[in-house]
Protein backbone atom coordinates (compact mmCIF):
# COMPACT_ATOMS: atom_id res chain seq x y z
CA UNK A 1 -12.80 4.90 -12.42
CA UNK A 2 -12.26 2.94 -14.67
CA UNK A 3 -8.32 1.31 -14.94
CA UNK A 4 -7.31 2.35 -18.08
CA UNK A 5 -8.99 6.20 -16.99
CA UNK A 6 -7.11 6.10 -13.98
CA UNK A 7 -3.41 4.90 -15.42
CA UNK A 8 -3.47 7.26 -17.87
CA UNK A 9 -4.71 10.28 -15.77
CA UNK A 10 -1.89 12.71 -14.84
CA UNK A 11 -1.17 11.85 -11.53
CA UNK A 12 -1.56 15.58 -10.22
CA UNK A 13 -5.12 15.37 -11.04
CA UNK A 14 -5.91 11.95 -9.14
CA UNK A 15 -5.96 13.43 -6.18
CA UNK A 16 -2.55 12.48 -4.64
CA UNK A 17 -0.81 13.33 -1.59
CA UNK A 18 1.73 16.12 -2.98
CA UNK A 19 4.47 14.55 -1.67
CA UNK A 20 4.20 11.54 -3.54
CA UNK A 21 3.04 13.43 -7.03
CA UNK A 22 6.70 15.51 -5.80
CA UNK A 23 8.71 12.00 -5.81
CA UNK A 24 7.29 11.26 -8.88
CA UNK A 25 8.29 14.40 -10.74
CA UNK A 26 11.53 13.73 -9.28
CA UNK A 27 11.47 10.36 -10.84
CA UNK A 28 9.64 11.55 -13.94
CA UNK A 29 6.92 9.88 -13.55
CA UNK A 30 3.76 11.27 -14.74
CA UNK A 31 0.90 8.59 -14.57
CA UNK A 32 0.85 5.49 -12.94
CA UNK A 33 0.66 3.61 -16.22
CA UNK A 34 4.54 5.63 -16.58
CA UNK A 35 5.62 4.02 -12.98
CA UNK A 36 4.10 0.37 -13.98
CA UNK A 37 6.38 0.14 -17.20
CA UNK A 38 9.53 0.23 -15.02
CA UNK A 39 10.82 -2.69 -13.64
CA UNK A 40 11.10 -2.90 -9.63
CA UNK A 41 14.94 -2.81 -10.30
CA UNK A 42 15.17 0.20 -11.96
CA UNK A 43 13.05 2.05 -10.09
CA UNK A 44 14.77 0.58 -6.87
CA UNK A 45 18.14 2.96 -8.45
CA UNK A 46 15.98 5.58 -9.17
CA UNK A 47 16.33 9.26 -7.58
CA UNK A 48 13.13 9.97 -5.19
CA UNK A 49 12.55 6.33 -5.06
CA UNK A 50 12.16 5.47 -0.79
CA UNK A 51 10.34 2.42 0.85
CA UNK A 52 7.67 5.64 1.52
CA UNK A 53 6.85 6.04 -1.67
CA UNK A 54 7.01 2.58 -2.97
CA UNK A 55 3.80 2.10 0.25
CA UNK A 56 2.24 4.61 -0.63
CA UNK A 57 2.29 3.73 -4.21
CA UNK A 58 1.17 0.41 -2.99
CA UNK A 59 -1.53 1.83 -1.05
CA UNK A 60 -3.43 3.90 -4.27
CA UNK A 61 -2.94 0.48 -6.26
CA UNK A 62 -5.02 -1.30 -3.52
CA UNK A 63 -7.71 1.06 -3.04
CA UNK A 64 -7.88 0.61 -6.97
CA UNK A 65 -7.96 -2.77 -6.87
CA UNK A 66 -4.85 -2.58 -9.37
CA UNK A 67 -2.52 -3.46 -6.84
CA UNK A 68 -1.86 -6.74 -9.20
CA UNK A 69 -0.13 -4.40 -11.53
CA UNK A 70 2.89 -3.54 -9.73
CA UNK A 71 4.09 -7.54 -9.99
CA UNK A 72 6.46 -8.62 -13.14
CA UNK A 73 5.03 -10.03 -15.82
CA UNK A 74 5.42 -13.68 -15.53
CA UNK A 75 8.19 -14.75 -17.38
CA UNK A 76 9.57 -11.28 -17.10
CA UNK A 77 12.16 -12.52 -14.21
CA UNK A 78 15.57 -12.10 -14.84
CA UNK A 79 17.13 -15.57 -14.03
């Protein structure tokens, strides 16, 4: 699937683990693109966040060849 289409497809249409999708709903995410707009610092503080969820997210992005999108953009790291 093309990256832009994958990122904008509703999570419940991507064939992902239901528990992962349920946690995304708790966190307010409807697409992968929405997830990637949130900073790691903010994500860590969100209700529904867990490191298991993060591992699943990383696995899904890696499978699609998009894991690099989880990294902060150069120059956007505070400090």
